[in-house]
Amino acid sequence: MVESPELFAVGEVALESGGTLRSARLAYVTRGKLNAAGDNAVLFPSYYTGTHRENLAMIGPGRALDPNEYFIVIVNLLGNGQSSSPSNYANFPAVTLRDNVTLQWRLLESLGVKQLALAYGWSMGAQQAYHHAALFPERVRALLAVCGSARTSPHNWVFLEGVKAALLADATEPPQRGLKAFARVYAGWAYSQAFFRERLYERLGHASPEALLRAWEEDHLGYDPRDLLCVLESWQGADISNNPTFRADLPSALRAITACTIVMPCRTDLYFPPEDSRLEVEHLPRAELRVLESKFGHVAGGPNRIAEDTAFVEAAIRELLVKGR
């Protein structure tokens, strides 16, 4: 059983939207010990529908994220039901990924972290890691963005509009049909065409595509729809250049990243495709595009999901932790 997270009380926070988040809190867990210099920290933010629980599966002695060597901080997104969220906070305002990473640095500073050895994440976790490297370049030595982007693409935005519409089509409370529809639409995007053609769902314990869809339905009935919509809005607006520093100039924001970087899209990801990552890497000063060759689509890069894909990700983590020194 995974322990409950620690809660960092942030207090009153002025948000990018102009709103205010009062009595804000970030839920987080740590593994390992911070060194005297405060620079052996690895930040591993949560992803959409994920919490610290899933990320913990990547951490262990002898693994790339080894708590005997590094101080690993897993922080939960605002809106994910663990940190301050619509489900636990009345009249929850709109929040951005910039709001998230700004508060995450307040947490990191309270823990004594001076510099990150690595900012690493998958999906929305990768988008947060990108934000850290662009907004706080002097504090991030290495960056690994797995199946994620510096800015949500127009096609990605449209995909999210589709799952949002499925959820909002059900006006009942709780919207069980809406949550099931959300899950079914999402499942079609999470995996690749080859995943279904080659019956790779059987490796995940599902006898058929319909069995997989029913499992997704059951899983998503456990989510609060208000939280899903809140974090989805943060995802749709993700853009490291949408701030007074970079003034919507994405190439400029990418060039500001000084971290040793690996951008790792999956070849068959339907909404974070390698083509988008390649355009970003062109502007990154110290970056490599390293494509994850997998038929599991977006899910390939998920924490500890697919053994061979996890091994590929962990090799990159080890490499960056050495190169970033």
C-alpha atoms as a PDB file:
ATOM      1  CA  MET A   1       0.000   0.000   0.000  1.00  0.00           C
ATOM      2  CA  VAL A   2       1.428   3.365  -1.061  1.00  0.00           C
ATOM      3  CA  GLU A   3       1.576   5.948   1.677  1.00  0.00           C
ATOM      4  CA  SER A   4      -0.402   9.162   1.576  1.00  0.00           C
ATOM      5  CA  PRO A   5       1.555  12.135   0.229  1.00  0.00           C
ATOM      6  CA  GLU A   6       2.983  14.979   2.259  1.00  0.00           C
ATOM      7  CA  LEU A   7       1.123  18.274   1.900  1.00  0.00           C
ATOM      8  CA  PHE A   8       3.050  21.505   1.342  1.00  0.00           C
ATOM      9  CA  ALA A   9       0.985  24.507   2.438  1.00  0.00           C
ATOM     10  CA  VAL A  10       1.608  27.273  -0.094  1.00  0.00           C
ATOM     11  CA  GLY A  11      -0.817  29.865   1.256  1.00  0.00           C
ATOM     12  CA  GLU A  12      -2.440  32.440  -1.002  1.00  0.00           C
ATOM     13  CA  VAL A  13      -1.311  32.312  -4.627  1.00  0.00           C
ATOM     14  CA  ALA A  14      -1.881  34.838  -7.404  1.00  0.00           C
ATOM     15  CA  LEU A  15      -2.509  32.923 -10.629  1.00  0.00           C
ATOM     16  CA  GLU A  16      -1.795  33.671 -14.273  1.00  0.00           C
ATOM     17  CA  SER A  17      -5.526  33.878 -14.908  1.00  0.00           C
ATOM     18  CA  GLY A  18      -5.787  36.813 -12.524  1.00  0.00           C
ATOM     19  CA  GLY A  19      -7.564  34.656  -9.968  1.00  0.00           C
ATOM     20  CA  THR A  20      -6.391  33.735  -6.511  1.00  0.00           C
ATOM     21  CA  LEU A  21      -5.902  30.308  -4.986  1.00  0.00           C
ATOM     22  CA  ARG A  22      -6.207  30.566  -1.222  1.00  0.00           C
ATOM     23  CA  SER A  23      -4.791  28.007   1.195  1.00  0.00           C
ATOM     24  CA  ALA A  24      -3.147  26.235  -1.739  1.00  0.00           C
ATOM     25  CA  ARG A  25      -1.347  22.970  -1.155  1.00  0.00           C
ATOM     26  CA  LEU A  26       0.857  20.676  -3.176  1.00  0.00           C
ATOM     27  CA  ALA A  27       0.836  16.944  -2.498  1.00  0.00           C
ATOM     28  CA  TYR A  28       4.213  15.269  -2.913  1.00  0.00           C
ATOM     29  CA  VAL A  29       6.407  12.352  -1.898  1.00  0.00           C
ATOM     30  CA  THR A  30      10.181  12.056  -1.736  1.00  0.00           C
ATOM     31  CA  ARG A  31      12.642   9.228  -1.911  1.00  0.00           C
ATOM     32  CA  GLY A  32      16.323   9.360  -1.027  1.00  0.00           C
ATOM     33  CA  LYS A  33      18.356  12.050   0.711  1.00  0.00           C
ATOM     34  CA  LEU A  34      19.334  15.525  -0.461  1.00  0.00           C
ATOM     35  CA  ASN A  35      23.083  16.081  -0.479  1.00  0.00           C
ATOM     36  CA  ALA A  36      24.799  18.984   1.271  1.00  0.00           C
ATOM     37  CA  ALA A  37      25.028  20.989  -1.962  1.00  0.00           C
ATOM     38  CA  GLY A  38      21.287  20.571  -2.602  1.00  0.00           C
ATOM     39  CA  ASP A  39      21.918  19.512  -6.189  1.00  0.00           C
ATOM     40  CA  ASN A  40      21.281  15.760  -6.434  1.00  0.00           C
ATOM     41  CA  ALA A  41      17.517  16.240  -6.809  1.00  0.00           C
ATOM     42  CA  VAL A  42      15.365  14.700  -9.536  1.00  0.00           C
ATOM     43  CA  LEU A  43      11.931  16.210 -10.141  1.00  0.00           C
ATOM     44  CA  PHE A  44       9.336  13.749 -11.475  1.00  0.00           C
ATOM     45  CA  PRO A  45       5.916  15.465 -11.837  1.00  0.00           C
ATOM     46  CA  SER A  46       2.631  13.582 -12.215  1.00  0.00           C
ATOM     47  CA  TYR A  47       0.737  13.228 -15.505  1.00  0.00           C
ATOM     48  CA  TYR A  48      -2.915  13.521 -16.571  1.00  0.00           C
ATOM     49  CA  THR A  49      -5.058  11.109 -14.487  1.00  0.00           C
ATOM     50  CA  GLY A  50      -1.882  10.040 -12.670  1.00  0.00           C
ATOM     51  CA  THR A  51      -0.618  10.703  -9.153  1.00  0.00           C
ATOM     52  CA  HIS A  52       2.547  10.084  -7.164  1.00  0.00           C
ATOM     53  CA  ARG A  53       1.479   6.431  -6.865  1.00  0.00           C
ATOM     54  CA  GLU A  54       2.168   5.578 -10.501  1.00  0.00           C
ATOM     55  CA  ASN A  55       5.480   7.448 -10.629  1.00  0.00           C
ATOM     56  CA  LEU A  56       6.782   5.620  -7.575  1.00  0.00           C
ATOM     57  CA  ALA A  57       6.929   2.448  -9.679  1.00  0.00           C
ATOM     58  CA  MET A  58      10.000   3.873 -11.468  1.00  0.00           C
ATOM     59  CA  ILE A  59      12.043   4.304  -8.272  1.00  0.00           C
ATOM     60  CA  GLY A  60      14.167   1.728  -6.495  1.00  0.00           C
ATOM     61  CA  PRO A  61      17.692   0.655  -5.527  1.00  0.00           C
ATOM     62  CA  GLY A  62      19.747  -0.217  -8.582  1.00  0.00           C
ATOM     63  CA  ARG A  63      17.325   1.472 -10.950  1.00  0.00           C
ATOM     64  CA  ALA A  64      17.988   4.666 -12.895  1.00  0.00           C
ATOM     65  CA  LEU A  65      16.074   6.622 -10.239  1.00  0.00           C
ATOM     66  CA  ASP A  66      18.015   5.186  -7.331  1.00  0.00           C
ATOM     67  CA  PRO A  67      17.127   6.679  -3.929  1.00  0.00           C
ATOM     68  CA  ASN A  68      20.566   5.675  -2.669  1.00  0.00           C
ATOM     69  CA  GLU A  69      22.079   8.224  -5.063  1.00  0.00           C
ATOM     70  CA  TYR A  70      19.416  10.837  -5.728  1.00  0.00           C
ATOM     71  CA  PHE A  71      16.781  12.837  -3.889  1.00  0.00           C
ATOM     72  CA  ILE A  72      13.661  12.183  -5.953  1.00  0.00           C
ATOM     73  CA  VAL A  73      10.656  14.481  -5.624  1.00  0.00           C
ATOM     74  CA  ILE A  74       7.317  13.449  -7.110  1.00  0.00           C
ATOM     75  CA  VAL A  75       4.822  16.285  -7.097  1.00  0.00           C
ATOM     76  CA  ASN A  76       1.122  16.128  -7.959  1.00  0.00           C
ATOM     77  CA  LEU A  77      -0.465  18.485 -10.452  1.00  0.00           C
ATOM     78  CA  LEU A  78      -2.879  21.096  -9.208  1.00  0.00           C
ATOM     79  CA  GLY A  79      -6.305  19.687 -10.005  1.00  0.00           C
ATOM     80  CA  ASN A  80      -5.421  15.987  -9.873  1.00  0.00           C
ATOM     81  CA  GLY A  81      -7.319  15.290  -6.659  1.00  0.00           C
ATOM     82  CA  GLN A  82      -4.206  15.085  -4.455  1.00  0.00           C
ATOM     83  CA  SER A  83      -2.981  18.682  -4.585  1.00  0.00           C
ATOM     84  CA  SER A  84      -5.523  21.532  -4.392  1.00  0.00           C
ATOM     85  CA  SER A  85      -8.267  20.559  -6.852  1.00  0.00           C
ATOM     86  CA  PRO A  86     -11.907  21.231  -7.722  1.00  0.00           C
ATOM     87  CA  SER A  87     -12.833  18.061  -5.814  1.00  0.00           C
ATOM     88  CA  ASN A  88     -11.371  19.373  -2.552  1.00  0.00           C
ATOM     89  CA  TYR A  89     -11.591  23.160  -2.974  1.00  0.00           C
ATOM     90  CA  ALA A  90     -14.696  25.317  -3.498  1.00  0.00           C
ATOM     91  CA  ASN A  91     -14.789  27.600  -6.564  1.00  0.00           C
ATOM     92  CA  PHE A  92     -11.464  26.351  -7.868  1.00  0.00           C
ATOM     93  CA  PRO A  93      -9.931  28.826 -10.350  1.00  0.00           C
ATOM     94  CA  ALA A  94      -8.245  28.051 -13.663  1.00  0.00           C
ATOM     95  CA  VAL A  95      -4.578  27.089 -13.291  1.00  0.00           C
ATOM     96  CA  THR A  96      -1.779  26.809 -15.827  1.00  0.00           C
ATOM     97  CA  LEU A  97       1.359  24.728 -15.990  1.00  0.00           C
ATOM     98  CA  ARG A  98       3.318  27.882 -15.270  1.00  0.00           C
ATOM     99  CA  ASP A  99       1.317  28.215 -12.039  1.00  0.00           C
ATOM    100  CA  ASN A 100       2.212  24.612 -11.254  1.00  0.00           C
ATOM    101  CA  VAL A 101       5.955  24.892 -11.813  1.00  0.00           C
ATOM    102  CA  THR A 102       6.196  28.179  -9.951  1.00  0.00           C
ATOM    103  CA  LEU A 103       4.608  26.550  -6.899  1.00  0.00           C
ATOM    104  CA  GLN A 104       6.734  23.448  -7.370  1.00  0.00           C
ATOM    105  CA  TRP A 105       9.839  25.583  -6.977  1.00  0.00           C
ATOM    106  CA  ARG A 106       8.488  26.974  -3.731  1.00  0.00           C
ATOM    107  CA  LEU A 107       8.167  23.374  -2.569  1.00  0.00           C
ATOM    108  CA  LEU A 108      11.645  22.452  -3.806  1.00  0.00           C
ATOM    109  CA  GLU A 109      13.184  25.451  -2.074  1.00  0.00           C
ATOM    110  CA  SER A 110      11.447  24.516   1.178  1.00  0.00           C
ATOM    111  CA  LEU A 111      13.082  21.087   0.880  1.00  0.00           C
ATOM    112  CA  GLY A 112      16.505  22.678   0.420  1.00  0.00           C
ATOM    113  CA  VAL A 113      16.873  21.963  -3.305  1.00  0.00           C
ATOM    114  CA  LYS A 114      19.232  24.389  -5.045  1.00  0.00           C
ATOM    115  CA  GLN A 115      19.450  22.754  -8.448  1.00  0.00           C
ATOM    116  CA  LEU A 116      17.871  19.799 -10.259  1.00  0.00           C
ATOM    117  CA  ALA A 117      20.140  17.074 -11.550  1.00  0.00           C
ATOM    118  CA  LEU A 118      17.208  16.108 -13.786  1.00  0.00           C
ATOM    119  CA  ALA A 119      13.700  17.270 -14.616  1.00  0.00           C
ATOM    120  CA  TYR A 120      11.905  14.227 -16.026  1.00  0.00           C
ATOM    121  CA  GLY A 121       8.330  13.466 -16.928  1.00  0.00           C
ATOM    122  CA  TRP A 122       5.963  11.596 -19.202  1.00  0.00           C
ATOM    123  CA  SER A 123       3.072  13.229 -21.078  1.00  0.00           C
ATOM    124  CA  MET A 124       1.898  16.198 -18.976  1.00  0.00           C
ATOM    125  CA  GLY A 125       4.835  15.437 -16.696  1.00  0.00           C
ATOM    126  CA  ALA A 126       7.116  16.089 -19.687  1.00  0.00           C
ATOM    127  CA  GLN A 127       5.339  19.376 -20.331  1.00  0.00           C
ATOM    128  CA  GLN A 128       6.029  20.432 -16.742  1.00  0.00           C
ATOM    129  CA  ALA A 129       9.672  19.370 -17.028  1.00  0.00           C
ATOM    130  CA  TYR A 130       9.952  21.483 -20.183  1.00  0.00           C
ATOM    131  CA  HIS A 131       8.523  24.471 -18.280  1.00  0.00           C
ATOM    132  CA  HIS A 132      11.069  24.063 -15.496  1.00  0.00           C
ATOM    133  CA  ALA A 133      13.961  23.987 -17.963  1.00  0.00           C
ATOM    134  CA  ALA A 134      12.728  27.067 -19.860  1.00  0.00           C
ATOM    135  CA  LEU A 135      11.604  29.232 -16.938  1.00  0.00           C
ATOM    136  CA  PHE A 136      14.413  28.282 -14.535  1.00  0.00           C
ATOM    137  CA  PRO A 137      17.309  27.306 -16.846  1.00  0.00           C
ATOM    138  CA  GLU A 138      20.012  27.911 -14.255  1.00  0.00           C
ATOM    139  CA  ARG A 139      18.317  25.441 -11.907  1.00  0.00           C
ATOM    140  CA  VAL A 140      17.967  22.467 -14.300  1.00  0.00           C
ATOM    141  CA  ARG A 141      21.078  20.563 -15.427  1.00  0.00           C
ATOM    142  CA  ALA A 142      19.306  17.873 -17.477  1.00  0.00           C
ATOM    143  CA  LEU A 143      15.886  17.393 -19.048  1.00  0.00           C
ATOM    144  CA  LEU A 144      14.111  14.251 -20.225  1.00  0.00           C
ATOM    145  CA  ALA A 145      10.763  14.815 -21.923  1.00  0.00           C
ATOM    146  CA  VAL A 146       9.060  11.498 -22.723  1.00  0.00           C
ATOM    147  CA  CYS A 147       5.983  11.606 -24.974  1.00  0.00           C
ATOM    148  CA  GLY A 148       5.372  15.271 -24.235  1.00  0.00           C
ATOM    149  CA  SER A 149       5.858  18.711 -25.743  1.00  0.00           C
ATOM    150  CA  ALA A 150       6.933  22.252 -24.983  1.00  0.00           C
ATOM    151  CA  ARG A 151       3.645  23.516 -26.380  1.00  0.00           C
ATOM    152  CA  THR A 152       0.375  21.667 -26.914  1.00  0.00           C
ATOM    153  CA  SER A 153      -0.110  21.358 -30.665  1.00  0.00           C
ATOM    154  CA  PRO A 154      -3.357  22.305 -32.424  1.00  0.00           C
ATOM    155  CA  HIS A 155      -4.072  18.640 -33.189  1.00  0.00           C
ATOM    156  CA  ASN A 156      -3.480  17.673 -29.553  1.00  0.00           C
ATOM    157  CA  TRP A 157      -5.862  20.466 -28.503  1.00  0.00           C
ATOM    158  CA  VAL A 158      -8.540  19.074 -30.841  1.00  0.00           C
ATOM    159  CA  PHE A 159      -8.106  15.547 -29.456  1.00  0.00           C
ATOM    160  CA  LEU A 160      -8.689  16.938 -25.954  1.00  0.00           C
ATOM    161  CA  GLU A 161     -11.794  18.788 -27.137  1.00  0.00           C
ATOM    162  CA  GLY A 162     -13.150  15.403 -28.232  1.00  0.00           C
ATOM    163  CA  VAL A 163     -12.732  13.672 -24.876  1.00  0.00           C
ATOM    164  CA  LYS A 164     -14.009  16.772 -23.103  1.00  0.00           C
ATOM    165  CA  ALA A 165     -17.148  16.813 -25.264  1.00  0.00           C
ATOM    166  CA  ALA A 166     -17.801  13.150 -24.461  1.00  0.00           C
ATOM    167  CA  LEU A 167     -17.668  13.900 -20.746  1.00  0.00           C
ATOM    168  CA  LEU A 168     -19.773  17.051 -20.920  1.00  0.00           C
ATOM    169  CA  ALA A 169     -22.496  15.370 -23.010  1.00  0.00           C
ATOM    170  CA  ASP A 170     -23.788  13.735 -19.816  1.00  0.00           C
ATOM    171  CA  ALA A 171     -25.517  16.303 -17.587  1.00  0.00           C
ATOM    172  CA  THR A 172     -26.374  13.834 -14.821  1.00  0.00           C
ATOM    173  CA  GLU A 173     -24.629  13.814 -11.445  1.00  0.00           C
ATOM    174  CA  PRO A 174     -22.411  11.924 -11.233  1.00  0.00           C
ATOM    175  CA  PRO A 175     -21.951  11.678 -15.009  1.00  0.00           C
ATOM    176  CA  GLN A 176     -21.279   7.951 -15.209  1.00  0.00           C
ATOM    177  CA  ARG A 177     -22.176   7.671 -18.870  1.00  0.00           C
ATOM    178  CA  GLY A 178     -20.003  10.691 -19.588  1.00  0.00           C
ATOM    179  CA  LEU A 179     -17.044   9.195 -17.749  1.00  0.00           C
ATOM    180  CA  LYS A 180     -17.450   5.927 -19.651  1.00  0.00           C
ATOM    181  CA  ALA A 181     -17.658   7.801 -22.960  1.00  0.00           C
ATOM    182  CA  PHE A 182     -14.577   9.819 -21.994  1.00  0.00           C
ATOM    183  CA  ALA A 183     -12.706   6.564 -21.327  1.00  0.00           C
ATOM    184  CA  ARG A 184     -13.741   4.915 -24.596  1.00  0.00           C
ATOM    185  CA  VAL A 185     -12.754   7.907 -26.716  1.00  0.00           C
ATOM    186  CA  TYR A 186      -9.449   8.290 -24.865  1.00  0.00           C
ATOM    187  CA  ALA A 187      -8.489   4.601 -25.247  1.00  0.00           C
ATOM    188  CA  GLY A 188      -8.524   4.930 -29.020  1.00  0.00           C
ATOM    189  CA  TRP A 189      -5.843   7.621 -28.807  1.00  0.00           C
ATOM    190  CA  ALA A 190      -3.681   6.100 -26.071  1.00  0.00           C
ATOM    191  CA  TYR A 191      -2.506   3.149 -28.200  1.00  0.00           C
ATOM    192  CA  SER A 192      -1.434   2.781 -31.810  1.00  0.00           C
ATOM    193  CA  GLN A 193      -3.107   1.133 -34.776  1.00  0.00           C
ATOM    194  CA  ALA A 194      -0.472  -1.632 -34.640  1.00  0.00           C
ATOM    195  CA  PHE A 195      -1.295  -2.215 -30.966  1.00  0.00           C
ATOM    196  CA  PHE A 196      -4.794  -3.325 -31.937  1.00  0.00           C
ATOM    197  CA  ARG A 197      -3.881  -4.964 -35.245  1.00  0.00           C
ATOM    198  CA  GLU A 198      -1.260  -7.164 -33.581  1.00  0.00           C
ATOM    199  CA  ARG A 199      -3.407  -7.896 -30.520  1.00  0.00           C
ATOM    200  CA  LEU A 200      -0.910  -6.359 -28.126  1.00  0.00           C
ATOM    201  CA  TYR A 201      -3.772  -5.678 -25.731  1.00  0.00           C
ATOM    202  CA  GLU A 202      -3.424  -9.345 -24.794  1.00  0.00           C
ATOM    203  CA  ARG A 203      -0.032  -8.519 -23.247  1.00  0.00           C
ATOM    204  CA  LEU A 204      -1.891  -6.150 -20.934  1.00  0.00           C
ATOM    205  CA  GLY A 205      -4.300  -8.872 -19.855  1.00  0.00           C
ATOM    206  CA  HIS A 206      -7.256  -8.025 -22.108  1.00  0.00           C
ATOM    207  CA  ALA A 207      -8.858 -10.718 -24.255  1.00  0.00           C
ATOM    208  CA  SER A 208     -10.270  -8.283 -26.813  1.00  0.00           C
ATOM    209  CA  PRO A 209     -10.509  -4.583 -27.670  1.00  0.00           C
ATOM    210  CA  GLU A 210     -13.917  -4.530 -25.991  1.00  0.00           C
ATOM    211  CA  ALA A 211     -12.406  -5.969 -22.800  1.00  0.00           C
ATOM    212  CA  LEU A 212      -9.786  -3.218 -22.849  1.00  0.00           C
ATOM    213  CA  LEU A 213     -12.483  -0.575 -23.278  1.00  0.00           C
ATOM    214  CA  ARG A 214     -14.478  -1.946 -20.369  1.00  0.00           C
ATOM    215  CA  ALA A 215     -11.369  -1.838 -18.183  1.00  0.00           C
ATOM    216  CA  TRP A 216     -10.840   1.798 -19.145  1.00  0.00           C
ATOM    217  CA  GLU A 217     -14.486   2.530 -18.295  1.00  0.00           C
ATOM    218  CA  GLU A 218     -14.165   0.944 -14.878  1.00  0.00           C
ATOM    219  CA  ASP A 219     -10.960   2.835 -14.157  1.00  0.00           C
ATOM    220  CA  HIS A 220     -12.349   6.225 -15.173  1.00  0.00           C
ATOM    221  CA  LEU A 221     -15.471   5.884 -13.049  1.00  0.00           C
ATOM    222  CA  GLY A 222     -13.121   6.536 -10.127  1.00  0.00           C
ATOM    223  CA  TYR A 223     -12.193  10.035 -11.329  1.00  0.00           C
ATOM    224  CA  ASP A 224     -13.894  13.258 -10.365  1.00  0.00           C
ATOM    225  CA  PRO A 225     -15.070  14.913 -13.623  1.00  0.00           C
ATOM    226  CA  ARG A 226     -14.295  18.377 -12.251  1.00  0.00           C
ATOM    227  CA  ASP A 227     -10.669  17.376 -11.731  1.00  0.00           C
ATOM    228  CA  LEU A 228     -10.457  15.833 -15.210  1.00  0.00           C
ATOM    229  CA  LEU A 229     -11.718  19.055 -16.790  1.00  0.00           C
ATOM    230  CA  CYS A 230      -9.441  21.256 -14.687  1.00  0.00           C
ATOM    231  CA  VAL A 231      -6.224  19.439 -15.603  1.00  0.00           C
ATOM    232  CA  LEU A 232      -7.363  19.061 -19.213  1.00  0.00           C
ATOM    233  CA  GLU A 233      -7.610  22.852 -19.426  1.00  0.00           C
ATOM    234  CA  SER A 234      -4.044  23.162 -18.086  1.00  0.00           C
ATOM    235  CA  TRP A 235      -2.913  20.685 -20.745  1.00  0.00           C
ATOM    236  CA  GLN A 236      -4.658  22.502 -23.574  1.00  0.00           C
ATOM    237  CA  GLY A 237      -2.988  25.763 -22.589  1.00  0.00           C
ATOM    238  CA  ALA A 238       0.492  24.304 -22.089  1.00  0.00           C
ATOM    239  CA  ASP A 239       3.089  26.540 -23.757  1.00  0.00           C
ATOM    240  CA  ILE A 240       6.532  27.368 -22.357  1.00  0.00           C
ATOM    241  CA  SER A 241       6.541  30.635 -24.350  1.00  0.00           C
ATOM    242  CA  ASN A 242       3.151  31.966 -23.239  1.00  0.00           C
ATOM    243  CA  ASN A 243       4.466  34.364 -20.612  1.00  0.00           C
ATOM    244  CA  PRO A 244       5.949  37.872 -20.319  1.00  0.00           C
ATOM    245  CA  THR A 245       9.488  36.513 -20.616  1.00  0.00           C
ATOM    246  CA  PHE A 246       9.124  34.949 -24.078  1.00  0.00           C
ATOM    247  CA  ARG A 247       5.985  36.694 -25.401  1.00  0.00           C
ATOM    248  CA  ALA A 248       4.693  33.672 -27.375  1.00  0.00           C
ATOM    249  CA  ASP A 249       8.052  33.196 -29.147  1.00  0.00           C
ATOM    250  CA  LEU A 250       8.452  29.424 -28.859  1.00  0.00           C
ATOM    251  CA  PRO A 251      11.866  29.190 -30.587  1.00  0.00           C
ATOM    252  CA  SER A 252      13.190  31.809 -28.168  1.00  0.00           C
ATOM    253  CA  ALA A 253      11.835  29.878 -25.181  1.00  0.00           C
ATOM    254  CA  LEU A 254      13.405  26.658 -26.459  1.00  0.00           C
ATOM    255  CA  ARG A 255      16.762  28.360 -27.031  1.00  0.00           C
ATOM    256  CA  ALA A 256      16.696  29.521 -23.405  1.00  0.00           C
ATOM    257  CA  ILE A 257      16.928  25.892 -22.225  1.00  0.00           C
ATOM    258  CA  THR A 258      20.546  25.203 -21.300  1.00  0.00           C
ATOM    259  CA  ALA A 259      19.987  21.734 -19.830  1.00  0.00           C
ATOM    260  CA  CYS A 260      21.453  18.655 -21.455  1.00  0.00           C
ATOM    261  CA  THR A 261      18.259  17.334 -23.053  1.00  0.00           C
ATOM    262  CA  ILE A 262      16.759  14.223 -24.557  1.00  0.00           C
ATOM    263  CA  VAL A 263      13.344  14.593 -26.145  1.00  0.00           C
ATOM    264  CA  MET A 264      11.795  11.143 -26.457  1.00  0.00           C
ATOM    265  CA  PRO A 265       8.584  10.821 -28.466  1.00  0.00           C
ATOM    266  CA  CYS A 266       7.166   7.411 -29.301  1.00  0.00           C
ATOM    267  CA  ARG A 267       7.115   6.535 -32.994  1.00  0.00           C
ATOM    268  CA  THR A 268       3.424   5.558 -32.819  1.00  0.00           C
ATOM    269  CA  ASP A 269       2.141   8.219 -30.394  1.00  0.00           C
ATOM    270  CA  LEU A 270      -1.035   9.651 -31.922  1.00  0.00           C
ATOM    271  CA  TYR A 271      -1.006  13.007 -30.137  1.00  0.00           C
ATOM    272  CA  PHE A 272       2.647  13.731 -29.294  1.00  0.00           C
ATOM    273  CA  PRO A 273       4.179  12.548 -32.610  1.00  0.00           C
ATOM    274  CA  PRO A 274       7.921  12.605 -33.401  1.00  0.00           C
ATOM    275  CA  GLU A 275       7.343  15.212 -36.107  1.00  0.00           C
ATOM    276  CA  ASP A 276       6.309  17.786 -33.491  1.00  0.00           C
ATOM    277  CA  SER A 277       9.257  16.880 -31.254  1.00  0.00           C
ATOM    278  CA  ARG A 278      11.679  17.233 -34.161  1.00  0.00           C
ATOM    279  CA  LEU A 279      10.543  20.818 -34.708  1.00  0.00           C
ATOM    280  CA  GLU A 280      11.220  21.607 -31.046  1.00  0.00           C
ATOM    281  CA  VAL A 281      14.638  19.927 -30.944  1.00  0.00           C
ATOM    282  CA  GLU A 282      15.802  22.122 -33.848  1.00  0.00           C
ATOM    283  CA  HIS A 283      15.838  25.073 -31.432  1.00  0.00           C
ATOM    284  CA  LEU A 284      17.249  23.354 -28.334  1.00  0.00           C
ATOM    285  CA  PRO A 285      20.967  24.104 -27.865  1.00  0.00           C
ATOM    286  CA  ARG A 286      21.971  20.813 -26.175  1.00  0.00           C
ATOM    287  CA  ALA A 287      19.300  18.350 -27.247  1.00  0.00           C
ATOM    288  CA  GLU A 288      18.927  15.002 -28.929  1.00  0.00           C
ATOM    289  CA  LEU A 289      15.781  13.572 -30.476  1.00  0.00           C
ATOM    290  CA  ARG A 290      15.690   9.941 -29.361  1.00  0.00           C
ATOM    291  CA  VAL A 291      12.613   8.154 -30.692  1.00  0.00           C
ATOM    292  CA  LEU A 292      11.071   5.356 -28.662  1.00  0.00           C
ATOM    293  CA  GLU A 293      10.382   2.593 -31.182  1.00  0.00           C
ATOM    294  CA  SER A 294       7.282   0.935 -29.768  1.00  0.00           C
ATOM    295  CA  LYS A 295       3.865  -0.170 -30.988  1.00  0.00           C
ATOM    296  CA  PHE A 296       2.223   0.730 -27.671  1.00  0.00           C
ATOM    297  CA  GLY A 297       1.624   4.335 -28.726  1.00  0.00           C
ATOM    298  CA  HIS A 298       1.515   7.061 -26.090  1.00  0.00           C
ATOM    299  CA  VAL A 299       1.349   4.472 -23.314  1.00  0.00           C
ATOM    300  CA  ALA A 300       4.830   3.192 -24.219  1.00  0.00           C
ATOM    301  CA  GLY A 301       6.524   5.951 -22.240  1.00  0.00           C
ATOM    302  CA  GLY A 302       4.356   5.619 -19.131  1.00  0.00           C
ATOM    303  CA  PRO A 303       6.106   4.916 -15.829  1.00  0.00           C
ATOM    304  CA  ASN A 304       6.905   1.205 -15.633  1.00  0.00           C
ATOM    305  CA  ARG A 305       4.182   0.297 -18.139  1.00  0.00           C
ATOM    306  CA  ILE A 306       5.971  -1.763 -20.813  1.00  0.00           C
ATOM    307  CA  ALA A 307       9.196  -3.488 -19.726  1.00  0.00           C
ATOM    308  CA  GLU A 308      11.262  -2.981 -22.876  1.00  0.00           C
ATOM    309  CA  ASP A 309      10.128   0.622 -23.260  1.00  0.00           C
ATOM    310  CA  THR A 310      10.852   1.367 -19.608  1.00  0.00           C
ATOM    311  CA  ALA A 311      14.373   0.013 -20.116  1.00  0.00           C
ATOM    312  CA  PHE A 312      14.845   2.445 -23.023  1.00  0.00           C
ATOM    313  CA  VAL A 313      13.667   5.363 -20.865  1.00  0.00           C
ATOM    314  CA  GLU A 314      15.860   4.325 -17.950  1.00  0.00           C
ATOM    315  CA  ALA A 315      18.937   4.195 -20.189  1.00  0.00           C
ATOM    316  CA  ALA A 316      18.284   7.833 -21.095  1.00  0.00           C
ATOM    317  CA  ILE A 317      17.841   8.781 -17.432  1.00  0.00           C
ATOM    318  CA  ARG A 318      21.193   7.223 -16.529  1.00  0.00           C
ATOM    319  CA  GLU A 319      22.910   8.950 -19.431  1.00  0.00           C
ATOM    320  CA  LEU A 320      21.520  12.379 -18.591  1.00  0.00           C
ATOM    321  CA  LEU A 321      22.389  12.098 -14.917  1.00  0.00           C
ATOM    322  CA  VAL A 322      26.016  11.580 -15.965  1.00  0.00           C
ATOM    323  CA  LYS A 323      26.120  14.175 -18.751  1.00  0.00           C
ATOM    324  CA  GLY A 324      24.425  16.806 -16.635  1.00  0.00           C
ATOM    325  CA  ARG A 325      27.074  16.767 -13.906  1.00  0.00           C
END
